[in-house]
Amino acid sequence: MESFIFDLIKIFLGVLFLLGLTLTAIWFYFRIKPKASRESEIDRPDAMTGKEVITTLKLQACERLILFLERITPNNLILRVHTPDMSAAQLQGAMIRTVREEFEYNLSQQLYLTSKTWELIRSAKEEILRQINTAASGLKEGGSARDLAGAILQLSLSQERSPVSTALEAIKNEIRKPC
């Protein structure tokens, strides 16, 4: 049974890794434009209107928040934060600190979203923190970081629909809406 769960986790992590690569490629595609073409667009009389500027800023905010949500999913978070010499308590602390720092870094992006979407993003963050703390509180005294990671992944896999998925869908709907 444990082997089956780890195989499932490996597949899940592989899919998320590919999703992350795809999102990163899309991000780089839209970011890497020759600087000269950007400057020439600004000098043209038909430069972007205010509405186009807001649309661009809104898309950039949505991109950043999608990356935030992907980075705080339990499997991605564990892969980034976990080191072999960590105890469960150290892993718990590092994961909580990372989620909070990432959220604070992206706090200003709420300006470009509806209150409902921002609330879903905030709820997703809170749910991830709750999962980390719940998994840690269920461990035996002196549990390892690997035990904690497994417990967190089990909790996240047991959810019917993750709050991160709900928030991601809300962001996609924001992008589809006209400004």
Protein backbone atom coordinates (compact mmCIF):
# COMPACT_ATOMS: atom_id res chain seq x y z
CA MET A 1 0.00 0.00 0.00
CA GLU A 2 2.83 2.39 0.91
CA SER A 3 4.53 1.65 -2.42
CA PHE A 4 1.29 2.43 -4.24
CA ILE A 5 0.98 5.78 -2.45
CA PHE A 6 4.57 6.71 -3.25
CA ASP A 7 4.02 5.72 -6.91
CA LEU A 8 0.93 7.91 -6.97
CA ILE A 9 2.88 10.76 -5.40
CA LYS A 10 5.66 10.33 -7.98
CA ILE A 11 3.16 10.54 -10.84
CA PHE A 12 1.46 13.54 -9.24
CA LEU A 13 4.82 15.28 -8.78
CA GLY A 14 5.77 14.54 -12.38
CA VAL A 15 2.57 16.09 -13.69
CA LEU A 16 3.04 19.15 -11.51
CA PHE A 17 6.65 19.44 -12.61
CA LEU A 18 5.55 19.46 -16.25
CA LEU A 19 2.89 22.05 -15.45
CA GLY A 20 5.50 24.20 -13.75
CA LEU A 21 7.82 23.91 -16.75
CA THR A 22 5.00 24.88 -19.08
CA LEU A 23 4.05 27.90 -16.99
CA THR A 24 7.70 28.94 -16.79
CA ALA A 25 8.10 28.62 -20.57
CA ILE A 26 5.00 30.73 -21.13
CA TRP A 27 6.26 33.30 -18.67
CA PHE A 28 9.66 33.51 -20.40
CA TYR A 29 8.03 33.72 -23.81
CA PHE A 30 6.13 36.85 -22.82
CA ARG A 31 9.03 38.34 -20.89
CA ILE A 32 11.86 37.99 -23.38
CA LYS A 33 11.31 40.64 -26.00
CA PRO A 34 14.06 42.82 -27.41
CA LYS A 35 14.41 45.98 -25.33
CA ALA A 36 14.55 48.08 -28.47
CA SER A 37 11.10 46.97 -29.57
CA ARG A 38 9.68 47.95 -26.16
CA GLU A 39 11.25 51.39 -26.41
CA SER A 40 10.02 51.92 -29.95
CA GLU A 41 6.48 50.98 -28.89
CA ILE A 42 6.55 53.68 -26.23
CA ASP A 43 7.71 56.36 -28.69
CA ARG A 44 5.02 55.59 -31.27
CA PRO A 45 1.96 57.79 -31.32
CA ASP A 46 -0.24 54.69 -31.12
CA ALA A 47 1.42 53.53 -27.89
CA MET A 48 -0.67 51.55 -25.41
CA THR A 49 -3.77 53.17 -24.05
CA GLY A 50 -4.56 53.27 -20.34
CA LYS A 51 -6.86 50.28 -20.73
CA GLU A 52 -4.12 48.28 -22.44
CA VAL A 53 -1.66 49.18 -19.69
CA ILE A 54 -4.11 47.99 -17.02
CA THR A 55 -4.75 44.79 -18.97
CA THR A 56 -1.00 44.16 -19.16
CA LEU A 57 -0.57 44.80 -15.43
CA LYS A 58 -3.53 42.56 -14.65
CA LEU A 59 -2.03 39.73 -16.74
CA GLN A 60 1.32 40.14 -15.02
CA ALA A 61 -0.39 40.03 -11.62
CA CYS A 62 -2.27 36.88 -12.62
CA GLU A 63 0.98 35.28 -13.81
CA ARG A 64 2.68 36.06 -10.50
CA LEU A 65 -0.23 34.70 -8.49
CA ILE A 66 -0.37 31.51 -10.55
CA LEU A 67 3.33 31.02 -9.86
CA PHE A 68 2.71 31.74 -6.17
CA LEU A 69 -0.03 29.12 -5.98
CA GLU A 70 2.08 26.55 -7.84
CA ARG A 71 5.04 27.22 -5.54
CA ILE A 72 2.98 26.67 -2.37
CA THR A 73 1.34 23.41 -3.41
CA PRO A 74 2.51 20.84 -0.88
CA ASN A 75 4.53 18.70 -3.29
CA ASN A 76 6.37 21.67 -4.83
CA LEU A 77 6.90 23.25 -1.44
CA ILE A 78 8.32 20.05 0.04
CA LEU A 79 10.68 19.58 -2.90
CA ARG A 80 12.00 23.15 -2.60
CA VAL A 81 12.30 23.38 1.19
CA HIS A 82 13.22 19.87 2.37
CA THR A 83 16.82 18.97 3.02
CA PRO A 84 17.99 15.52 4.18
CA ASP A 85 19.19 16.70 7.59
CA MET A 86 15.92 18.39 8.64
CA SER A 87 13.72 17.32 11.50
CA ALA A 88 9.94 17.41 11.17
CA ALA A 89 9.79 20.60 13.24
CA GLN A 90 12.43 22.27 11.05
CA LEU A 91 10.59 21.29 7.89
CA GLN A 92 7.31 22.54 9.33
CA GLY A 93 8.87 25.89 10.25
CA ALA A 94 10.63 26.29 6.91
CA MET A 95 7.46 25.50 4.96
CA ILE A 96 5.32 27.91 6.97
CA ARG A 97 7.92 30.66 6.65
CA THR A 98 8.22 30.09 2.90
CA VAL A 99 4.46 30.22 2.32
CA ARG A 100 4.11 33.42 4.34
CA GLU A 101 7.07 35.10 2.62
CA GLU A 102 5.79 34.18 -0.84
CA PHE A 103 2.34 35.51 0.06
CA GLU A 104 3.72 38.78 1.43
CA TYR A 105 5.84 39.20 -1.70
CA ASN A 106 2.70 38.97 -3.87
CA LEU A 107 0.38 40.94 -1.59
CA SER A 108 0.21 43.98 -3.86
CA GLN A 109 -1.17 41.90 -6.73
CA GLN A 110 -4.61 41.91 -5.11
CA LEU A 111 -5.03 45.38 -6.63
CA TYR A 112 -5.65 43.78 -10.04
CA LEU A 113 -8.14 41.10 -8.96
CA THR A 114 -11.67 40.99 -7.69
CA SER A 115 -12.13 40.65 -3.94
CA LYS A 116 -13.63 37.19 -4.42
CA THR A 117 -10.61 35.90 -6.34
CA TRP A 118 -8.19 37.41 -3.85
CA GLU A 119 -10.12 35.76 -1.01
CA LEU A 120 -9.80 32.38 -2.76
CA ILE A 121 -6.03 32.90 -3.05
CA ARG A 122 -5.79 33.88 0.61
CA SER A 123 -7.92 30.87 1.59
CA ALA A 124 -5.67 28.57 -0.43
CA LYS A 125 -2.66 29.90 1.46
CA GLU A 126 -4.41 29.41 4.79
CA GLU A 127 -5.44 25.86 3.85
CA ILE A 128 -1.85 24.96 2.95
CA LEU A 129 -0.69 26.29 6.33
CA ARG A 130 -3.49 24.34 8.05
CA GLN A 131 -2.45 21.13 6.27
CA ILE A 132 1.17 21.60 7.33
CA ASN A 133 0.21 22.18 10.97
CA THR A 134 -2.38 19.37 11.02
CA ALA A 135 0.12 16.89 9.59
CA ALA A 136 2.77 18.00 12.08
CA SER A 137 0.41 17.67 15.03
CA GLY A 138 -0.45 14.11 13.99
CA LEU A 139 3.16 12.92 14.04
CA LYS A 140 4.66 10.92 16.86
CA GLU A 141 7.23 12.62 19.05
CA GLY A 142 10.53 12.88 17.17
CA GLY A 143 9.00 12.20 13.73
CA SER A 144 11.22 12.76 10.74
CA ALA A 145 10.86 15.35 8.02
CA ARG A 146 10.08 12.51 5.64
CA ASP A 147 7.20 11.42 7.90
CA LEU A 148 5.88 14.98 7.89
CA ALA A 149 6.21 15.26 4.12
CA GLY A 150 4.29 12.02 3.66
CA ALA A 151 1.55 13.13 6.05
CA ILE A 152 1.19 16.48 4.28
CA LEU A 153 0.98 14.81 0.88
CA GLN A 154 -1.62 12.35 2.16
CA LEU A 155 -3.72 15.21 3.51
CA SER A 156 -3.52 17.12 0.24
CA LEU A 157 -4.32 14.04 -1.84
CA SER A 158 -7.32 13.22 0.34
CA GLN A 159 -9.05 16.46 -0.61
CA GLU A 160 -11.72 16.22 -3.28
CA ARG A 161 -10.80 19.60 -4.77
CA SER A 162 -7.86 21.55 -3.47
CA PRO A 163 -8.25 25.22 -2.62
CA VAL A 164 -5.23 25.90 -4.84
CA SER A 165 -7.11 24.46 -7.83
CA THR A 166 -10.13 26.59 -6.97
CA ALA A 167 -7.97 29.72 -6.75
CA LEU A 168 -6.20 28.88 -10.02
CA GLU A 169 -9.55 28.54 -11.76
CA ALA A 170 -10.68 31.90 -10.36
CA ILE A 171 -7.52 33.56 -11.70
CA LYS A 172 -8.12 32.05 -15.13
CA ASN A 173 -11.65 33.43 -15.04
CA GLU A 174 -10.24 36.86 -14.14
CA ILE A 175 -8.04 36.75 -17.22
CA ARG A 176 -11.02 35.92 -19.43
CA LYS A 177 -12.97 38.94 -18.16
CA PRO A 178 -12.57 42.19 -20.08
CA CYS A 179 -11.18 45.16 -18.10
